[in-house]
């Protein structure tokens, strides 16, 4: 699936380089530039730092409409409140939307506006979904490079960029934990505490392999102490 990032009239070469670097970090590679030649400034390649191939292969267009000519679904970032008649999605909602769309859409794009005044109303009308980054401060302080980094990270699941799934504890290990806890509750004379027993059962079900093993070690030490205490050992 094609997923270009489109920068509309970027003025600063450093921002273009930062955008390319953010894209590569999260697995994106296609960059389109609208109505700007700032990417040719050496500063863009200096800031890109290892993402030079994205600058080498970028495409340029005269208008946003031209840049979207082969795109089936597009999202534009904007802080404009006048977009109040359009659905306005958070980055997390955009991720959900695009993960669903990629099952039946062959090309999507993410559009970023100008550093100083974003996208025009006419340009906003060209896209399918609007999005913005919620911020604590009313003043939109993120620059173009930072905004690209936020969305590159949020949408990295589109490229299957994710931390390795943790190993889940095997069934026998979990079954043994259930049994050891039940026995421990009896020894501590709290087996009638249904709330506590239910909580333990629920938490055991979501343990990872390492946590399960460590908990077995802890229970072993507790059981040994209880045995020593009952036999009068110090």
C-alpha atoms as a PDB file:
ATOM      1  CA  UNK A   1       0.000   0.000   0.000  1.00  0.00           C
ATOM      2  CA  UNK A   2       1.284   3.459  -0.882  1.00  0.00           C
ATOM      3  CA  UNK A   3       1.371   6.003   1.939  1.00  0.00           C
ATOM      4  CA  UNK A   4       3.175   9.240   1.033  1.00  0.00           C
ATOM      5  CA  UNK A   5       3.621  12.147   3.408  1.00  0.00           C
ATOM      6  CA  UNK A   6       2.824  15.430   1.634  1.00  0.00           C
ATOM      7  CA  UNK A   7       4.329  18.749   2.734  1.00  0.00           C
ATOM      8  CA  UNK A   8       2.545  21.777   1.303  1.00  0.00           C
ATOM      9  CA  UNK A   9       4.807  24.767   0.629  1.00  0.00           C
ATOM     10  CA  UNK A  10       7.358  24.092   3.379  1.00  0.00           C
ATOM     11  CA  UNK A  11       9.555  27.169   3.790  1.00  0.00           C
ATOM     12  CA  UNK A  12      12.441  25.851   5.889  1.00  0.00           C
ATOM     13  CA  UNK A  13      14.873  23.257   4.619  1.00  0.00           C
ATOM     14  CA  UNK A  14      15.557  22.113   8.179  1.00  0.00           C
ATOM     15  CA  UNK A  15      11.913  21.147   8.629  1.00  0.00           C
ATOM     16  CA  UNK A  16      11.973  19.079   5.457  1.00  0.00           C
ATOM     17  CA  UNK A  17      15.104  17.282   6.637  1.00  0.00           C
ATOM     18  CA  UNK A  18      13.567  16.661  10.058  1.00  0.00           C
ATOM     19  CA  UNK A  19      10.431  15.302   8.412  1.00  0.00           C
ATOM     20  CA  UNK A  20      12.465  12.892   6.274  1.00  0.00           C
ATOM     21  CA  UNK A  21      14.389  11.684   9.302  1.00  0.00           C
ATOM     22  CA  UNK A  22      11.180  11.133  11.311  1.00  0.00           C
ATOM     23  CA  UNK A  23       9.627   9.230   8.439  1.00  0.00           C
ATOM     24  CA  UNK A  24      12.562   6.883   8.029  1.00  0.00           C
ATOM     25  CA  UNK A  25      12.748   6.216  11.754  1.00  0.00           C
ATOM     26  CA  UNK A  26       9.175   4.903  11.718  1.00  0.00           C
ATOM     27  CA  UNK A  27       9.329   3.032   8.413  1.00  0.00           C
ATOM     28  CA  UNK A  28       7.839   5.547   5.959  1.00  0.00           C
ATOM     29  CA  UNK A  29       9.710   6.351   2.760  1.00  0.00           C
ATOM     30  CA  UNK A  30       7.604   8.328   0.278  1.00  0.00           C
ATOM     31  CA  UNK A  31       7.714  12.117   0.503  1.00  0.00           C
ATOM     32  CA  UNK A  32       5.910  14.602  -1.738  1.00  0.00           C
ATOM     33  CA  UNK A  33       6.554  18.346  -1.767  1.00  0.00           C
ATOM     34  CA  UNK A  34       4.032  20.895  -3.029  1.00  0.00           C
ATOM     35  CA  UNK A  35       5.104  24.308  -4.369  1.00  0.00           C
ATOM     36  CA  UNK A  36       8.523  24.512  -2.727  1.00  0.00           C
ATOM     37  CA  UNK A  37      12.156  23.985  -3.652  1.00  0.00           C
ATOM     38  CA  UNK A  38      13.460  24.409  -0.095  1.00  0.00           C
ATOM     39  CA  UNK A  39      14.361  20.711  -0.041  1.00  0.00           C
ATOM     40  CA  UNK A  40      17.269  21.487  -2.377  1.00  0.00           C
ATOM     41  CA  UNK A  41      18.989  23.551   0.326  1.00  0.00           C
ATOM     42  CA  UNK A  42      21.953  21.607   1.834  1.00  0.00           C
ATOM     43  CA  UNK A  43      20.440  22.170   5.282  1.00  0.00           C
ATOM     44  CA  UNK A  44      17.675  19.685   4.464  1.00  0.00           C
ATOM     45  CA  UNK A  45      20.134  16.864   3.853  1.00  0.00           C
ATOM     46  CA  UNK A  46      22.201  17.816   6.891  1.00  0.00           C
ATOM     47  CA  UNK A  47      19.206  17.582   9.215  1.00  0.00           C
ATOM     48  CA  UNK A  48      17.883  14.444   7.482  1.00  0.00           C
ATOM     49  CA  UNK A  49      21.005  12.658   8.817  1.00  0.00           C
ATOM     50  CA  UNK A  50      20.808   9.217   7.255  1.00  0.00           C
ATOM     51  CA  UNK A  51      17.486   9.693   5.504  1.00  0.00           C
ATOM     52  CA  UNK A  52      18.997  11.171   2.360  1.00  0.00           C
ATOM     53  CA  UNK A  53      17.373   8.552   0.121  1.00  0.00           C
ATOM     54  CA  UNK A  54      13.961   9.975   1.023  1.00  0.00           C
ATOM     55  CA  UNK A  55      15.098  13.374  -0.261  1.00  0.00           C
ATOM     56  CA  UNK A  56      16.658  11.741  -3.333  1.00  0.00           C
ATOM     57  CA  UNK A  57      13.378  10.066  -4.249  1.00  0.00           C
ATOM     58  CA  UNK A  58      10.861  12.735  -3.281  1.00  0.00           C
ATOM     59  CA  UNK A  59       8.340  13.990  -5.829  1.00  0.00           C
ATOM     60  CA  UNK A  60       7.371  17.606  -6.388  1.00  0.00           C
ATOM     61  CA  UNK A  61       3.996  19.008  -7.459  1.00  0.00           C
ATOM     62  CA  UNK A  62       2.599  22.441  -8.228  1.00  0.00           C
ATOM     63  CA  UNK A  63      -0.603  22.023  -6.207  1.00  0.00           C
ATOM     64  CA  UNK A  64      -2.014  19.794  -3.501  1.00  0.00           C
ATOM     65  CA  UNK A  65      -4.620  18.544  -5.949  1.00  0.00           C
ATOM     66  CA  UNK A  66      -1.813  17.334  -8.197  1.00  0.00           C
ATOM     67  CA  UNK A  67      -0.073  15.617  -5.284  1.00  0.00           C
ATOM     68  CA  UNK A  68      -3.294  13.787  -4.428  1.00  0.00           C
ATOM     69  CA  UNK A  69      -4.098  12.693  -7.975  1.00  0.00           C
ATOM     70  CA  UNK A  70      -3.433   8.987  -7.314  1.00  0.00           C
ATOM     71  CA  UNK A  71      -4.503   8.866  -3.653  1.00  0.00           C
ATOM     72  CA  UNK A  72      -7.757   7.170  -2.626  1.00  0.00           C
ATOM     73  CA  UNK A  73      -7.936   8.379   0.978  1.00  0.00           C
ATOM     74  CA  UNK A  74      -6.202  11.410   2.481  1.00  0.00           C
ATOM     75  CA  UNK A  75      -5.812  12.977   5.912  1.00  0.00           C
ATOM     76  CA  UNK A  76      -4.755  16.571   6.574  1.00  0.00           C
ATOM     77  CA  UNK A  77      -3.303  17.982   9.772  1.00  0.00           C
ATOM     78  CA  UNK A  78      -4.718  21.327  10.827  1.00  0.00           C
ATOM     79  CA  UNK A  79      -5.230  23.484  13.891  1.00  0.00           C
ATOM     80  CA  UNK A  80      -7.943  25.544  12.248  1.00  0.00           C
ATOM     81  CA  UNK A  81     -11.099  25.851  14.370  1.00  0.00           C
ATOM     82  CA  UNK A  82     -13.033  26.856  11.258  1.00  0.00           C
ATOM     83  CA  UNK A  83     -13.006  23.205  10.294  1.00  0.00           C
ATOM     84  CA  UNK A  84     -15.851  22.799  12.824  1.00  0.00           C
ATOM     85  CA  UNK A  85     -18.233  21.359  10.254  1.00  0.00           C
ATOM     86  CA  UNK A  86     -15.890  18.463   9.533  1.00  0.00           C
ATOM     87  CA  UNK A  87     -15.096  15.441  11.656  1.00  0.00           C
ATOM     88  CA  UNK A  88     -11.886  16.259  13.513  1.00  0.00           C
ATOM     89  CA  UNK A  89      -9.898  13.194  14.548  1.00  0.00           C
ATOM     90  CA  UNK A  90      -7.127  12.829  17.101  1.00  0.00           C
ATOM     91  CA  UNK A  91      -3.910  11.048  16.020  1.00  0.00           C
ATOM     92  CA  UNK A  92      -5.123   7.900  17.803  1.00  0.00           C
ATOM     93  CA  UNK A  93      -8.432   8.007  15.934  1.00  0.00           C
ATOM     94  CA  UNK A  94      -6.562   8.505  12.670  1.00  0.00           C
ATOM     95  CA  UNK A  95      -4.556   5.362  13.360  1.00  0.00           C
ATOM     96  CA  UNK A  96      -7.772   3.390  13.906  1.00  0.00           C
ATOM     97  CA  UNK A  97      -9.287   4.789  10.721  1.00  0.00           C
ATOM     98  CA  UNK A  98      -6.256   4.018   8.571  1.00  0.00           C
ATOM     99  CA  UNK A  99      -5.733   0.524   9.954  1.00  0.00           C
ATOM    100  CA  UNK A 100      -9.279  -0.235   8.857  1.00  0.00           C
ATOM    101  CA  UNK A 101      -8.971   1.571   5.523  1.00  0.00           C
ATOM    102  CA  UNK A 102      -5.834  -0.253   4.457  1.00  0.00           C
ATOM    103  CA  UNK A 103      -7.843  -3.459   4.219  1.00  0.00           C
ATOM    104  CA  UNK A 104      -9.634  -2.128   1.153  1.00  0.00           C
ATOM    105  CA  UNK A 105      -7.869   1.090   0.070  1.00  0.00           C
ATOM    106  CA  UNK A 106      -4.682   0.837  -1.987  1.00  0.00           C
ATOM    107  CA  UNK A 107      -3.293   4.344  -1.431  1.00  0.00           C
ATOM    108  CA  UNK A 108      -3.492   6.826   1.431  1.00  0.00           C
ATOM    109  CA  UNK A 109      -1.684  10.063   2.235  1.00  0.00           C
ATOM    110  CA  UNK A 110      -1.019  12.367   5.174  1.00  0.00           C
ATOM    111  CA  UNK A 111      -0.898  16.092   4.384  1.00  0.00           C
ATOM    112  CA  UNK A 112       0.933  18.762   6.391  1.00  0.00           C
ATOM    113  CA  UNK A 113       0.396  22.481   5.843  1.00  0.00           C
ATOM    114  CA  UNK A 114       2.644  25.530   5.791  1.00  0.00           C
ATOM    115  CA  UNK A 115       4.694  26.410   8.847  1.00  0.00           C
ATOM    116  CA  UNK A 116       3.100  29.831   9.255  1.00  0.00           C
ATOM    117  CA  UNK A 117      -0.559  29.429   8.299  1.00  0.00           C
ATOM    118  CA  UNK A 118      -1.248  25.789   7.549  1.00  0.00           C
ATOM    119  CA  UNK A 119      -3.609  24.781   4.760  1.00  0.00           C
ATOM    120  CA  UNK A 120      -6.181  26.949   3.040  1.00  0.00           C
ATOM    121  CA  UNK A 121      -9.887  26.152   3.200  1.00  0.00           C
ATOM    122  CA  UNK A 122      -9.737  25.123  -0.450  1.00  0.00           C
ATOM    123  CA  UNK A 123      -6.908  22.681   0.318  1.00  0.00           C
ATOM    124  CA  UNK A 124      -8.769  21.279   3.329  1.00  0.00           C
ATOM    125  CA  UNK A 125     -11.711  20.556   1.049  1.00  0.00           C
ATOM    126  CA  UNK A 126      -9.519  18.221  -1.004  1.00  0.00           C
ATOM    127  CA  UNK A 127      -8.932  15.697   1.801  1.00  0.00           C
ATOM    128  CA  UNK A 128     -11.186  13.101   3.406  1.00  0.00           C
ATOM    129  CA  UNK A 129     -10.348  13.535   7.088  1.00  0.00           C
ATOM    130  CA  UNK A 130      -8.970  16.314   9.280  1.00  0.00           C
ATOM    131  CA  UNK A 131      -6.769  15.751  12.286  1.00  0.00           C
ATOM    132  CA  UNK A 132      -4.791  17.708  14.828  1.00  0.00           C
ATOM    133  CA  UNK A 133      -2.544  17.130  17.822  1.00  0.00           C
ATOM    134  CA  UNK A 134      -4.239  17.938  21.150  1.00  0.00           C
ATOM    135  CA  UNK A 135      -1.994  20.204  23.216  1.00  0.00           C
ATOM    136  CA  UNK A 136      -2.155  21.599  26.725  1.00  0.00           C
ATOM    137  CA  UNK A 137      -1.326  25.086  25.459  1.00  0.00           C
ATOM    138  CA  UNK A 138      -3.815  26.876  23.205  1.00  0.00           C
ATOM    139  CA  UNK A 139      -0.952  28.153  21.058  1.00  0.00           C
ATOM    140  CA  UNK A 140       0.022  25.560  18.407  1.00  0.00           C
ATOM    141  CA  UNK A 141       3.704  25.340  19.279  1.00  0.00           C
ATOM    142  CA  UNK A 142       4.739  22.200  17.354  1.00  0.00           C
ATOM    143  CA  UNK A 143       6.790  22.920  14.257  1.00  0.00           C
ATOM    144  CA  UNK A 144       6.492  20.941  11.028  1.00  0.00           C
ATOM    145  CA  UNK A 145       9.271  18.468  11.825  1.00  0.00           C
ATOM    146  CA  UNK A 146       7.812  17.731  15.256  1.00  0.00           C
ATOM    147  CA  UNK A 147       4.336  17.215  13.850  1.00  0.00           C
ATOM    148  CA  UNK A 148       5.644  14.730  11.282  1.00  0.00           C
ATOM    149  CA  UNK A 149       7.429  12.853  14.076  1.00  0.00           C
ATOM    150  CA  UNK A 150       4.239  12.612  16.158  1.00  0.00           C
ATOM    151  CA  UNK A 151       2.216  11.172  13.283  1.00  0.00           C
ATOM    152  CA  UNK A 152       5.036   8.940  12.067  1.00  0.00           C
ATOM    153  CA  UNK A 153       5.176   7.363  15.506  1.00  0.00           C
ATOM    154  CA  UNK A 154       1.398   7.141  15.922  1.00  0.00           C
ATOM    155  CA  UNK A 155       0.907   5.544  12.514  1.00  0.00           C
ATOM    156  CA  UNK A 156       3.920   3.231  12.610  1.00  0.00           C
ATOM    157  CA  UNK A 157       1.558   0.266  13.032  1.00  0.00           C
ATOM    158  CA  UNK A 158       0.756   0.701   9.342  1.00  0.00           C
ATOM    159  CA  UNK A 159       4.299  -0.484   8.683  1.00  0.00           C
ATOM    160  CA  UNK A 160       4.132  -3.121  11.394  1.00  0.00           C
ATOM    161  CA  UNK A 161       6.737  -1.255  13.396  1.00  0.00           C
ATOM    162  CA  UNK A 162       6.073  -2.474  16.912  1.00  0.00           C
ATOM    163  CA  UNK A 163       7.840  -3.849  19.931  1.00  0.00           C
ATOM    164  CA  UNK A 164       8.092  -7.652  19.954  1.00  0.00           C
ATOM    165  CA  UNK A 165       5.080  -9.226  21.597  1.00  0.00           C
ATOM    166  CA  UNK A 166       5.885 -10.374  25.130  1.00  0.00           C
ATOM    167  CA  UNK A 167       5.986 -14.103  25.704  1.00  0.00           C
ATOM    168  CA  UNK A 168       2.871 -15.224  27.533  1.00  0.00           C
ATOM    169  CA  UNK A 169       3.212 -17.609  30.409  1.00  0.00           C
ATOM    170  CA  UNK A 170       2.350 -21.171  29.414  1.00  0.00           C
ATOM    171  CA  UNK A 171      -0.844 -22.804  30.643  1.00  0.00           C
ATOM    172  CA  UNK A 172       0.827 -25.305  32.975  1.00  0.00           C
ATOM    173  CA  UNK A 173       2.802 -22.569  34.701  1.00  0.00           C
ATOM    174  CA  UNK A 174      -0.354 -20.532  35.197  1.00  0.00           C
ATOM    175  CA  UNK A 175      -2.285 -23.547  36.467  1.00  0.00           C
ATOM    176  CA  UNK A 176       0.461 -24.205  39.008  1.00  0.00           C
ATOM    177  CA  UNK A 177       0.292 -20.572  40.154  1.00  0.00           C
ATOM    178  CA  UNK A 178      -3.451 -20.866  40.704  1.00  0.00           C
ATOM    179  CA  UNK A 179      -2.923 -23.966  42.825  1.00  0.00           C
ATOM    180  CA  UNK A 180      -0.082 -22.463  44.848  1.00  0.00           C
ATOM    181  CA  UNK A 181      -2.095 -19.319  45.574  1.00  0.00           C
ATOM    182  CA  UNK A 182      -5.140 -21.334  46.620  1.00  0.00           C
ATOM    183  CA  UNK A 183      -2.968 -23.324  48.996  1.00  0.00           C
ATOM    184  CA  UNK A 184      -1.348 -20.136  50.336  1.00  0.00           C
ATOM    185  CA  UNK A 185      -4.722 -18.503  51.010  1.00  0.00           C
ATOM    186  CA  UNK A 186      -5.734 -21.555  53.028  1.00  0.00           C
ATOM    187  CA  UNK A 187      -2.511 -21.414  55.020  1.00  0.00           C
ATOM    188  CA  UNK A 188      -3.043 -17.722  55.733  1.00  0.00           C
ATOM    189  CA  UNK A 189      -6.668 -18.429  56.717  1.00  0.00           C
ATOM    190  CA  UNK A 190      -8.053 -15.974  54.136  1.00  0.00           C
ATOM    191  CA  UNK A 191      -9.513 -18.472  51.675  1.00  0.00           C
ATOM    192  CA  UNK A 192     -12.996 -17.083  52.356  1.00  0.00           C
ATOM    193  CA  UNK A 193     -12.008 -13.699  50.978  1.00  0.00           C
ATOM    194  CA  UNK A 194     -13.682 -14.085  47.580  1.00  0.00           C
ATOM    195  CA  UNK A 195     -12.714 -10.597  46.411  1.00  0.00           C
ATOM    196  CA  UNK A 196      -9.035 -11.308  46.994  1.00  0.00           C
ATOM    197  CA  UNK A 197      -9.245 -14.749  45.382  1.00  0.00           C
ATOM    198  CA  UNK A 198     -11.033 -13.340  42.309  1.00  0.00           C
ATOM    199  CA  UNK A 199      -8.436 -10.563  41.959  1.00  0.00           C
ATOM    200  CA  UNK A 200      -5.577 -13.077  42.076  1.00  0.00           C
ATOM    201  CA  UNK A 201      -7.247 -15.286  39.454  1.00  0.00           C
ATOM    202  CA  UNK A 202      -7.769 -12.327  37.116  1.00  0.00           C
ATOM    203  CA  UNK A 203      -4.208 -11.041  37.448  1.00  0.00           C
ATOM    204  CA  UNK A 204      -2.653 -14.455  36.885  1.00  0.00           C
ATOM    205  CA  UNK A 205      -4.428 -14.629  33.536  1.00  0.00           C
ATOM    206  CA  UNK A 206      -2.514 -11.640  32.124  1.00  0.00           C
ATOM    207  CA  UNK A 207       0.949 -12.470  33.439  1.00  0.00           C
ATOM    208  CA  UNK A 208       3.896 -12.581  31.067  1.00  0.00           C
ATOM    209  CA  UNK A 209       6.411 -15.427  31.141  1.00  0.00           C
ATOM    210  CA  UNK A 210       9.046 -13.598  33.192  1.00  0.00           C
ATOM    211  CA  UNK A 211       6.491 -12.321  35.718  1.00  0.00           C
ATOM    212  CA  UNK A 212       5.066 -15.815  36.150  1.00  0.00           C
ATOM    213  CA  UNK A 213       8.511 -17.281  36.806  1.00  0.00           C
ATOM    214  CA  UNK A 214       9.373 -14.547  39.318  1.00  0.00           C
ATOM    215  CA  UNK A 215       6.088 -15.054  41.125  1.00  0.00           C
ATOM    216  CA  UNK A 216       6.788 -18.782  41.412  1.00  0.00           C
ATOM    217  CA  UNK A 217      10.121 -17.915  43.033  1.00  0.00           C
ATOM    218  CA  UNK A 218       8.420 -15.565  45.479  1.00  0.00           C
ATOM    219  CA  UNK A 219       5.798 -18.161  46.397  1.00  0.00           C
ATOM    220  CA  UNK A 220       8.531 -20.739  46.927  1.00  0.00           C
ATOM    221  CA  UNK A 221      10.252 -18.425  49.433  1.00  0.00           C
ATOM    222  CA  UNK A 222       6.962 -17.688  51.212  1.00  0.00           C
ATOM    223  CA  UNK A 223       6.073 -21.381  51.422  1.00  0.00           C
ATOM    224  CA  UNK A 224       9.524 -22.202  52.792  1.00  0.00           C
ATOM    225  CA  UNK A 225       9.190 -19.515  55.461  1.00  0.00           C
ATOM    226  CA  UNK A 226       5.769 -20.840  56.487  1.00  0.00           C
ATOM    227  CA  UNK A 227       7.123 -24.377  56.763  1.00  0.00           C
ATOM    228  CA  UNK A 228      10.090 -23.213  58.817  1.00  0.00           C
ATOM    229  CA  UNK A 229       7.806 -21.229  61.098  1.00  0.00           C
ATOM    230  CA  UNK A 230       5.475 -24.161  61.653  1.00  0.00           C
ATOM    231  CA  UNK A 231       8.414 -26.424  62.498  1.00  0.00           C
ATOM    232  CA  UNK A 232       9.871 -23.913  64.933  1.00  0.00           C
ATOM    233  CA  UNK A 233      12.915 -23.010  62.816  1.00  0.00           C
ATOM    234  CA  UNK A 234      14.248 -19.469  62.976  1.00  0.00           C
END
